[in-house]
Each structure stands twice: as C-alpha cells, then as structure tokens.
C-alpha cells in the first residue's frame, strides 16, 4: 500500500507495490496513492517500489491517466525494483507523462535523488 516516510527531514510518499501479484492489487495501491496526492495540500516527493510486482499495459494506461490528474501535486518521482519489461513500460509512461519517473537500482539512490 502506501505510507509516508521521512528521509533526511523530507516527507516522502512511499507507494509499495512489492508483492502485488494481480491487477486488482496493483490498482488498489494506485488508487489509494492517487487519492493521497489529490487530497494533500502540497506537492509530494514519491518513491515507488515495484519489486516483484505484477505489471500490465492496462495498469500503465490507468497510471498515465492518474498521472495526468495529479501531475501538479508531484515534486519528484523515483522508482525502485523494476524488471526490464517494467523499465520499457516506464519509457512509454515518461513519453506521455508531465511528471517524469526515474528508475534507480537501490532505495538509497532513489531517496538521494528525491531530496536533491
């Protein structure tokens, strides 16, 4: 699901898809994280963990729509735990998204990017 974490004094929305094995689980995390963005008064730093998660084109289509609705609430977005197939989907996502997402190999790298 999602939670807020603090890293070096910065608040970060952590969307954890790790272990999601179905489209329904992925959509639940996407919808709940998007609602947090919509309802939060400020722009947010976002860390997304896709480790071991299920990915599909249907999910990416919905994620693109949600990104269009919430892009004004995103300061930066970093992703960890992506497979090669997910990285290809990310490239497609970034071509259409107003708020680009950047993939990192480690959580530490992603967090440092977010706070920089």
C-alpha atoms as a PDB file:
ATOM      1  CA  UNK A   1       0.000   0.000   0.000  1.00  0.00           C
ATOM      2  CA  UNK A   2       1.287   3.454   0.778  1.00  0.00           C
ATOM      3  CA  UNK A   3       2.713   5.293   3.720  1.00  0.00           C
ATOM      4  CA  UNK A   4       4.678   8.421   4.449  1.00  0.00           C
ATOM      5  CA  UNK A   5       8.348   8.034   5.278  1.00  0.00           C
ATOM      6  CA  UNK A   6      10.852  10.664   6.333  1.00  0.00           C
ATOM      7  CA  UNK A   7      14.331  10.719   4.846  1.00  0.00           C
ATOM      8  CA  UNK A   8      16.832  13.358   5.964  1.00  0.00           C
ATOM      9  CA  UNK A   9      13.994  15.539   7.141  1.00  0.00           C
ATOM     10  CA  UNK A  10      11.951  15.296   3.925  1.00  0.00           C
ATOM     11  CA  UNK A  11       8.486  13.740   3.800  1.00  0.00           C
ATOM     12  CA  UNK A  12       8.092  11.147   1.034  1.00  0.00           C
ATOM     13  CA  UNK A  13       5.013   9.261  -0.112  1.00  0.00           C
ATOM     14  CA  UNK A  14       6.074   5.613  -0.401  1.00  0.00           C
ATOM     15  CA  UNK A  15       3.853   3.574  -2.737  1.00  0.00           C
ATOM     16  CA  UNK A  16       4.715  -0.070  -2.150  1.00  0.00           C
ATOM     17  CA  UNK A  17       3.652  -2.435  -4.928  1.00  0.00           C
ATOM     18  CA  UNK A  18       6.156  -5.104  -3.869  1.00  0.00           C
ATOM     19  CA  UNK A  19       4.452  -8.450  -3.822  1.00  0.00           C
ATOM     20  CA  UNK A  20       1.387  -7.353  -5.796  1.00  0.00           C
ATOM     21  CA  UNK A  21       0.545 -10.339  -7.983  1.00  0.00           C
ATOM     22  CA  UNK A  22      -2.737  -9.272  -9.554  1.00  0.00           C
ATOM     23  CA  UNK A  23      -4.170  -6.351 -11.447  1.00  0.00           C
ATOM     24  CA  UNK A  24      -6.627  -5.739  -8.595  1.00  0.00           C
ATOM     25  CA  UNK A  25      -3.797  -5.404  -6.065  1.00  0.00           C
ATOM     26  CA  UNK A  26      -1.901  -3.029  -8.351  1.00  0.00           C
ATOM     27  CA  UNK A  27      -4.986  -0.903  -8.939  1.00  0.00           C
ATOM     28  CA  UNK A  28      -5.711  -0.723  -5.209  1.00  0.00           C
ATOM     29  CA  UNK A  29      -2.257   0.728  -4.498  1.00  0.00           C
ATOM     30  CA  UNK A  30      -2.507   3.095  -7.471  1.00  0.00           C
ATOM     31  CA  UNK A  31      -5.929   4.388  -6.458  1.00  0.00           C
ATOM     32  CA  UNK A  32      -5.066   4.849  -2.786  1.00  0.00           C
ATOM     33  CA  UNK A  33      -1.769   6.618  -3.557  1.00  0.00           C
ATOM     34  CA  UNK A  34      -3.502   8.860  -6.090  1.00  0.00           C
ATOM     35  CA  UNK A  35      -6.122   9.851  -3.519  1.00  0.00           C
ATOM     36  CA  UNK A  36      -3.362  10.826  -1.096  1.00  0.00           C
ATOM     37  CA  UNK A  37      -1.851  13.047  -3.811  1.00  0.00           C
ATOM     38  CA  UNK A  38      -5.175  14.626  -4.668  1.00  0.00           C
ATOM     39  CA  UNK A  39      -6.010  15.367  -1.038  1.00  0.00           C
ATOM     40  CA  UNK A  40      -2.557  16.509   0.125  1.00  0.00           C
ATOM     41  CA  UNK A  41      -2.176  20.297   0.297  1.00  0.00           C
ATOM     42  CA  UNK A  42       1.405  20.344  -1.042  1.00  0.00           C
ATOM     43  CA  UNK A  43       3.466  18.817  -3.819  1.00  0.00           C
ATOM     44  CA  UNK A  44       4.962  15.484  -2.763  1.00  0.00           C
ATOM     45  CA  UNK A  45       8.125  13.517  -3.311  1.00  0.00           C
ATOM     46  CA  UNK A  46       7.152   9.980  -4.327  1.00  0.00           C
ATOM     47  CA  UNK A  47       9.061   6.723  -4.012  1.00  0.00           C
ATOM     48  CA  UNK A  48       7.514   3.724  -5.782  1.00  0.00           C
ATOM     49  CA  UNK A  49       8.626   0.144  -5.134  1.00  0.00           C
ATOM     50  CA  UNK A  50       7.746  -2.324  -7.911  1.00  0.00           C
ATOM     51  CA  UNK A  51       9.893  -5.186  -6.615  1.00  0.00           C
ATOM     52  CA  UNK A  52       8.195  -8.470  -7.517  1.00  0.00           C
ATOM     53  CA  UNK A  53       5.061  -6.655  -8.655  1.00  0.00           C
ATOM     54  CA  UNK A  54       2.717  -7.568 -11.450  1.00  0.00           C
ATOM     55  CA  UNK A  55       2.798  -5.178 -14.409  1.00  0.00           C
ATOM     56  CA  UNK A  56       0.490  -4.862 -17.395  1.00  0.00           C
ATOM     57  CA  UNK A  57      -0.440  -2.437 -20.134  1.00  0.00           C
ATOM     58  CA  UNK A  58      -3.864  -1.924 -18.501  1.00  0.00           C
ATOM     59  CA  UNK A  59      -2.143  -0.808 -15.313  1.00  0.00           C
ATOM     60  CA  UNK A  60       0.120   1.563 -17.260  1.00  0.00           C
ATOM     61  CA  UNK A  61      -2.859   3.088 -19.060  1.00  0.00           C
ATOM     62  CA  UNK A  62      -4.559   3.783 -15.731  1.00  0.00           C
ATOM     63  CA  UNK A  63      -1.298   5.087 -14.231  1.00  0.00           C
ATOM     64  CA  UNK A  64      -0.946   7.525 -17.160  1.00  0.00           C
ATOM     65  CA  UNK A  65      -4.487   8.805 -16.580  1.00  0.00           C
ATOM     66  CA  UNK A  66      -3.845   9.213 -12.861  1.00  0.00           C
ATOM     67  CA  UNK A  67      -0.571  10.996 -13.603  1.00  0.00           C
ATOM     68  CA  UNK A  68      -2.406  13.481 -15.803  1.00  0.00           C
ATOM     69  CA  UNK A  69      -4.821  14.169 -12.946  1.00  0.00           C
ATOM     70  CA  UNK A  70      -2.151  14.511 -10.256  1.00  0.00           C
ATOM     71  CA  UNK A  71       0.983  15.806 -12.029  1.00  0.00           C
ATOM     72  CA  UNK A  72       0.587  19.207 -10.391  1.00  0.00           C
ATOM     73  CA  UNK A  73       0.931  17.504  -6.974  1.00  0.00           C
ATOM     74  CA  UNK A  74       4.221  15.695  -7.731  1.00  0.00           C
ATOM     75  CA  UNK A  75       7.561  17.327  -6.935  1.00  0.00           C
ATOM     76  CA  UNK A  76       9.682  14.306  -7.983  1.00  0.00           C
ATOM     77  CA  UNK A  77       9.028  10.611  -8.580  1.00  0.00           C
ATOM     78  CA  UNK A  78      11.589   7.795  -8.165  1.00  0.00           C
ATOM     79  CA  UNK A  79      11.091   4.080  -8.764  1.00  0.00           C
ATOM     80  CA  UNK A  80      12.939   1.032  -7.464  1.00  0.00           C
ATOM     81  CA  UNK A  81      12.629  -2.699  -8.112  1.00  0.00           C
ATOM     82  CA  UNK A  82      11.824  -2.591 -11.814  1.00  0.00           C
ATOM     83  CA  UNK A  83      12.263  -5.517 -14.184  1.00  0.00           C
ATOM     84  CA  UNK A  84      13.465  -4.953 -17.740  1.00  0.00           C
ATOM     85  CA  UNK A  85       9.891  -5.204 -19.018  1.00  0.00           C
ATOM     86  CA  UNK A  86       8.721  -2.656 -16.457  1.00  0.00           C
ATOM     87  CA  UNK A  87      11.580  -0.356 -17.497  1.00  0.00           C
ATOM     88  CA  UNK A  88      10.255  -0.483 -21.072  1.00  0.00           C
ATOM     89  CA  UNK A  89       6.773   0.381 -19.792  1.00  0.00           C
ATOM     90  CA  UNK A  90       8.333   3.265 -17.831  1.00  0.00           C
ATOM     91  CA  UNK A  91       9.839   4.691 -21.004  1.00  0.00           C
ATOM     92  CA  UNK A  92       6.370   4.643 -22.564  1.00  0.00           C
ATOM     93  CA  UNK A  93       4.906   6.262 -19.437  1.00  0.00           C
ATOM     94  CA  UNK A  94       7.534   9.021 -19.479  1.00  0.00           C
ATOM     95  CA  UNK A  95       6.801   9.890 -23.104  1.00  0.00           C
ATOM     96  CA  UNK A  96       3.285  10.923 -22.141  1.00  0.00           C
ATOM     97  CA  UNK A  97       3.606  11.989 -18.511  1.00  0.00           C
ATOM     98  CA  UNK A  98       4.095  15.573 -17.438  1.00  0.00           C
ATOM     99  CA  UNK A  99       5.879  14.413 -14.283  1.00  0.00           C
ATOM    100  CA  UNK A 100       8.615  12.002 -15.294  1.00  0.00           C
ATOM    101  CA  UNK A 101       9.541   8.996 -13.174  1.00  0.00           C
ATOM    102  CA  UNK A 102      13.158   7.916 -12.771  1.00  0.00           C
ATOM    103  CA  UNK A 103      14.277   4.365 -12.049  1.00  0.00           C
ATOM    104  CA  UNK A 104      17.062   3.524  -9.597  1.00  0.00           C
ATOM    105  CA  UNK A 105      18.743   0.285  -8.632  1.00  0.00           C
ATOM    106  CA  UNK A 106      18.702   0.950  -4.891  1.00  0.00           C
ATOM    107  CA  UNK A 107      16.376   2.606  -2.429  1.00  0.00           C
ATOM    108  CA  UNK A 108      19.239   4.779  -1.185  1.00  0.00           C
ATOM    109  CA  UNK A 109      19.923   6.122  -4.693  1.00  0.00           C
ATOM    110  CA  UNK A 110      16.237   6.876  -5.183  1.00  0.00           C
ATOM    111  CA  UNK A 111      15.914   8.645  -1.862  1.00  0.00           C
ATOM    112  CA  UNK A 112      19.004  10.759  -2.511  1.00  0.00           C
ATOM    113  CA  UNK A 113      17.586  11.763  -5.904  1.00  0.00           C
ATOM    114  CA  UNK A 114      14.276  12.743  -4.317  1.00  0.00           C
ATOM    115  CA  UNK A 115      15.819  15.033  -1.731  1.00  0.00           C
ATOM    116  CA  UNK A 116      18.378  16.602  -4.101  1.00  0.00           C
END
